[in-house]
Amino acid sequence: MTVNPELKGRRYELPEPYLVGREHVREFARAVFAANPIHTDLEAAREAGYADLVAPATFTAVLQDRGMQLLLADPLVDFELKHIVHGDEKFEFSRPVLAGDQLTAELEVTRVVARGRVNMIQAQTVIRDVTGEVVVTSHATLVIGGDE
């Protein structure tokens, strides 16, 4: 199975902004065992100098995943989800994500690599606030294997 090289350069933008709610932040913090009270206690977040609850660092994976779902729905994608392994992931923050943020996300396929029976797709997701400022840029590699 070879990944279509025409995927390189394709972009997938979420159709509407994502509103980060306090309960989203709290639930995600509990799910990933983020114990710092700035994630769950508004008073603690404000005492630490933030306007609202602070999302755990990996929270933006929620938006990255939504972009990945758009990628996987592209007609150029001819492989199945069951053949994908998440290779790596990196987040570069300009500032923390806070409850109340409205975020947009655009995923771009930056590289497609075919190496025998294993292929890789590298993607970058840029997440911005409503003013257009970059909040975080994430990088992910999908490793695609499977039957020929």
Protein backbone atom coordinates (compact mmCIF):
# COMPACT_ATOMS: atom_id res chain seq x y z
CA MET A 1 0.00 0.00 0.00
CA THR A 2 1.45 3.33 -1.04
CA VAL A 3 0.19 6.65 0.25
CA ASN A 4 -0.78 9.05 -2.52
CA PRO A 5 2.06 11.62 -2.80
CA GLU A 6 -0.50 14.22 -3.98
CA LEU A 7 -1.57 14.55 -0.33
CA LYS A 8 1.53 16.67 0.31
CA GLY A 9 0.51 20.30 0.60
CA ARG A 10 -3.19 19.59 1.13
CA ARG A 11 -4.84 21.67 3.84
CA TYR A 12 -7.84 20.91 6.01
CA GLU A 13 -9.46 23.70 8.01
CA LEU A 14 -12.06 23.14 10.69
CA PRO A 15 -15.38 24.56 9.47
CA GLU A 16 -16.01 26.64 12.59
CA PRO A 17 -14.14 27.87 15.67
CA TYR A 18 -13.91 25.59 18.69
CA LEU A 19 -15.02 27.19 21.94
CA VAL A 20 -12.90 25.92 24.84
CA GLY A 21 -15.30 25.47 27.74
CA ARG A 22 -14.37 25.19 31.39
CA GLU A 23 -15.92 21.76 31.60
CA HIS A 24 -13.95 20.65 28.53
CA VAL A 25 -10.76 21.70 30.32
CA ARG A 26 -11.76 20.04 33.60
CA GLU A 27 -12.81 16.78 31.92
CA PHE A 28 -9.66 16.61 29.84
CA ALA A 29 -7.50 17.34 32.89
CA ARG A 30 -9.16 14.49 34.79
CA ALA A 31 -8.79 12.14 31.82
CA VAL A 32 -5.03 12.75 31.55
CA PHE A 33 -4.47 12.92 35.33
CA ALA A 34 -3.31 16.55 35.19
CA ALA A 35 -3.20 17.33 38.92
CA ASN A 36 -2.32 21.02 38.86
CA PRO A 37 -5.34 22.94 40.19
CA ILE A 38 -5.00 25.61 37.45
CA HIS A 39 -6.74 23.06 35.21
CA THR A 40 -9.79 22.54 37.43
CA ASP A 41 -10.05 25.36 39.97
CA LEU A 42 -10.85 28.83 38.61
CA GLU A 43 -9.59 30.59 41.74
CA ALA A 44 -6.26 28.71 41.57
CA ALA A 45 -5.89 29.64 37.89
CA ARG A 46 -6.57 33.31 38.63
CA GLU A 47 -4.17 33.31 41.58
CA ALA A 48 -1.53 31.94 39.19
CA GLY A 49 -2.11 34.92 36.90
CA TYR A 50 -4.45 33.42 34.29
CA ALA A 51 -7.82 34.83 33.27
CA ASP A 52 -9.46 31.39 33.32
CA LEU A 53 -8.74 27.68 33.59
CA VAL A 54 -5.59 26.56 31.77
CA ALA A 55 -5.94 23.57 29.46
CA PRO A 56 -3.35 20.79 29.88
CA ALA A 57 -0.64 20.90 27.21
CA THR A 58 -2.05 17.99 25.20
CA PHE A 59 -5.58 19.47 25.09
CA THR A 60 -5.00 20.78 21.57
CA ALA A 61 -4.78 17.18 20.37
CA VAL A 62 -8.59 17.42 20.32
CA LEU A 63 -8.36 20.02 17.54
CA GLN A 64 -5.52 18.21 15.82
CA ASP A 65 -7.65 15.06 15.75
CA ARG A 66 -10.51 16.95 14.09
CA GLY A 67 -8.12 18.01 11.35
CA MET A 68 -6.88 14.42 11.01
CA GLN A 69 -10.49 13.27 10.58
CA LEU A 70 -10.85 15.71 7.67
CA LEU A 71 -7.62 14.33 6.17
CA LEU A 72 -8.84 10.74 6.49
CA ALA A 73 -12.10 11.67 4.74
CA ASP A 74 -10.20 13.05 1.72
CA PRO A 75 -10.85 10.98 -1.44
CA LEU A 76 -7.06 10.87 -2.02
CA VAL A 77 -6.69 8.77 1.14
CA ASP A 78 -6.87 5.14 0.13
CA PHE A 79 -5.88 3.40 3.37
CA GLU A 80 -7.89 2.34 6.38
CA LEU A 81 -7.67 3.68 9.90
CA LYS A 82 -6.75 0.21 11.17
CA HIS A 83 -3.42 0.50 9.28
CA ILE A 84 -2.33 3.71 11.03
CA VAL A 85 0.01 4.00 14.02
CA HIS A 86 0.72 7.36 15.59
CA GLY A 87 4.48 7.86 15.14
CA ASP A 88 5.24 11.02 17.09
CA GLU A 89 3.80 14.32 18.16
CA LYS A 90 5.19 17.69 19.22
CA PHE A 91 3.51 20.90 20.39
CA GLU A 92 5.02 24.40 20.16
CA PHE A 93 3.10 26.91 22.28
CA SER A 94 2.98 30.69 21.92
CA ARG A 95 0.74 30.84 24.99
CA PRO A 96 -1.41 28.49 27.06
CA VAL A 97 -4.92 27.57 25.93
CA LEU A 98 -7.51 29.01 28.32
CA ALA A 99 -11.16 28.28 28.91
CA GLY A 100 -13.10 30.82 26.86
CA ASP A 101 -10.70 30.72 23.91
CA GLN A 102 -12.26 30.35 20.49
CA LEU A 103 -9.77 28.46 18.36
CA THR A 104 -9.46 27.67 14.68
CA ALA A 105 -7.28 24.91 13.31
CA GLU A 106 -5.77 24.16 9.94
CA LEU A 107 -3.90 20.93 9.26
CA GLU A 108 -1.42 20.76 6.39
CA VAL A 109 0.23 17.60 5.10
CA THR A 110 3.89 18.64 5.04
CA ARG A 111 5.53 15.40 3.92
CA VAL A 112 4.61 12.04 2.43
CA VAL A 113 7.25 9.33 2.59
CA ALA A 114 7.08 5.84 1.05
CA ARG A 115 9.62 3.32 2.31
CA GLY A 116 8.78 -0.17 1.13
CA ARG A 117 5.70 -1.44 2.91
CA VAL A 118 5.72 1.42 5.41
CA ASN A 119 4.58 4.94 4.57
CA MET A 120 4.55 8.09 6.64
CA ILE A 121 2.50 11.24 6.56
CA GLN A 122 3.80 14.24 8.46
CA ALA A 123 1.30 16.95 9.26
CA GLN A 124 1.38 20.33 10.93
CA THR A 125 -1.67 21.83 12.61
CA VAL A 126 -1.71 25.56 13.29
CA ILE A 127 -4.17 26.59 15.99
CA ARG A 128 -5.10 30.27 16.20
CA ASP A 129 -7.31 32.38 18.44
CA VAL A 130 -10.07 34.65 17.10
CA THR A 131 -7.60 37.49 16.60
CA GLY A 132 -5.59 35.28 14.22
CA GLU A 133 -2.65 34.91 16.60
CA VAL A 134 -0.99 31.49 16.65
CA VAL A 135 -1.57 29.78 19.99
CA VAL A 136 0.06 26.44 19.25
CA THR A 137 1.55 24.58 16.33
CA SER A 138 1.50 20.82 16.51
CA HIS A 139 3.45 18.35 14.44
CA ALA A 140 2.43 14.72 14.02
CA THR A 141 3.64 11.72 12.07
CA LEU A 142 1.31 8.94 11.02
CA VAL A 143 2.88 5.63 10.10
CA ILE A 144 0.82 3.64 7.61
CA GLY A 145 1.41 -0.04 7.06
CA GLY A 146 -0.81 -2.93 6.16
CA ASP A 147 -1.63 -5.31 3.39
CA GLU A 148 -0.45 -4.75 -0.16
